[in-house]
Amino acid sequence: NELNALSARELEVFYYISSGLSNSEIADNLFRAVKTVENHVASIHRKLRTTNRSKLVRYGVERGIHAFTTEQWRTLIDGAQRIRKNAS
């Protein structure tokens, strides 16, 4: 349920964090600046009430986030985008 608070982009960043990627690697995958990724990470920390990256990774591992394939995760993120768009 806490993951519902995350935007689609934050979910995507969270997936990459849970998979062990660095901010720089995430920025490369998303074609974004590292600072943009850092802002997303800070927002994720606020929303999930975590204080550091290792707690985010643990949070993701405990919920099996890293076990999703990239395709499954993309489907989840696309669904979150559609739900938010329809709610607006």
Protein backbone atom coordinates (compact mmCIF):
# COMPACT_ATOMS: atom_id res chain seq x y z
CA ASN A 1 0.00 0.00 0.00
CA GLU A 2 2.85 2.40 0.68
CA LEU A 3 3.95 1.97 -2.91
CA ASN A 4 0.66 3.53 -4.04
CA ALA A 5 2.03 6.87 -2.84
CA LEU A 6 4.85 6.72 -5.39
CA SER A 7 4.52 8.24 -8.86
CA ALA A 8 5.18 6.05 -11.88
CA ARG A 9 8.69 7.53 -12.26
CA GLU A 10 9.39 7.01 -8.54
CA LEU A 11 8.28 3.38 -8.89
CA GLU A 12 10.68 2.99 -11.77
CA VAL A 13 13.55 4.53 -9.78
CA PHE A 14 12.62 2.35 -6.79
CA TYR A 15 12.77 -0.76 -8.97
CA TYR A 16 16.26 0.16 -10.11
CA ILE A 17 17.35 0.89 -6.53
CA SER A 18 15.96 -2.48 -5.42
CA SER A 19 17.93 -4.07 -8.24
CA GLY A 20 21.14 -2.55 -6.87
CA LEU A 21 21.78 0.18 -9.43
CA SER A 22 23.54 3.41 -8.48
CA ASN A 23 22.01 6.84 -9.11
CA SER A 24 24.35 7.26 -12.07
CA GLU A 25 23.30 3.93 -13.58
CA ILE A 26 19.62 4.76 -13.03
CA ALA A 27 20.11 8.16 -14.69
CA ASP A 28 21.69 6.44 -17.70
CA ASN A 29 18.80 3.95 -17.98
CA LEU A 30 16.16 6.68 -17.74
CA PHE A 31 18.04 9.24 -19.85
CA ARG A 32 17.83 11.73 -16.98
CA ALA A 33 20.35 13.79 -15.02
CA VAL A 34 21.80 12.27 -11.86
CA LYS A 35 20.36 15.23 -9.90
CA THR A 36 16.86 14.36 -11.17
CA VAL A 37 17.31 10.78 -9.95
CA GLU A 38 18.58 12.10 -6.60
CA ASN A 39 15.41 14.18 -6.30
CA HIS A 40 13.28 11.11 -7.00
CA VAL A 41 15.22 9.12 -4.39
CA ALA A 42 14.67 11.87 -1.80
CA SER A 43 10.95 11.86 -2.58
CA ILE A 44 10.82 8.06 -2.27
CA HIS A 45 12.56 8.30 1.12
CA ARG A 46 9.94 10.79 2.31
CA LYS A 47 6.99 8.77 1.08
CA LEU A 48 8.25 5.41 2.36
CA ARG A 49 9.71 6.89 5.54
CA THR A 50 13.18 5.50 4.96
CA THR A 51 16.41 7.23 5.84
CA ASN A 52 19.02 5.64 3.60
CA ARG A 53 19.53 3.62 0.45
CA SER A 54 20.16 0.34 2.24
CA LYS A 55 16.75 0.62 3.92
CA LEU A 56 15.17 1.23 0.51
CA VAL A 57 16.89 -1.85 -0.89
CA ARG A 58 15.77 -3.89 2.13
CA TYR A 59 12.20 -2.55 1.74
CA GLY A 60 12.22 -3.65 -1.89
CA VAL A 61 13.75 -7.06 -1.16
CA GLU A 62 11.24 -7.75 1.62
CA ARG A 63 8.44 -7.07 -0.85
CA GLY A 64 10.01 -9.04 -3.70
CA ILE A 65 10.46 -5.99 -5.92
CA HIS A 66 13.77 -7.23 -7.33
CA ALA A 67 12.13 -10.54 -8.35
CA PHE A 68 9.97 -8.86 -11.00
CA THR A 69 11.27 -9.00 -14.54
CA THR A 70 11.79 -5.68 -16.27
CA GLU A 71 8.72 -6.41 -18.42
CA GLN A 72 6.54 -7.17 -15.35
CA TRP A 73 7.75 -4.02 -13.67
CA ARG A 74 7.05 -1.94 -16.80
CA THR A 75 3.49 -3.31 -16.86
CA LEU A 76 3.03 -2.34 -13.20
CA ILE A 77 4.38 1.16 -13.79
CA ASP A 78 2.21 1.65 -16.89
CA GLY A 79 -0.83 0.57 -14.85
CA ALA A 80 0.03 3.07 -12.12
CA GLN A 81 0.27 5.82 -14.72
CA ARG A 82 -3.14 4.96 -16.17
CA ILE A 83 -4.77 4.85 -12.73
CA ARG A 84 -3.34 8.25 -11.78
CA LYS A 85 -4.34 9.73 -15.14
CA ASN A 86 -7.92 8.47 -14.81
CA ALA A 87 -8.16 9.77 -11.24
CA SER A 88 -7.21 13.29 -12.33
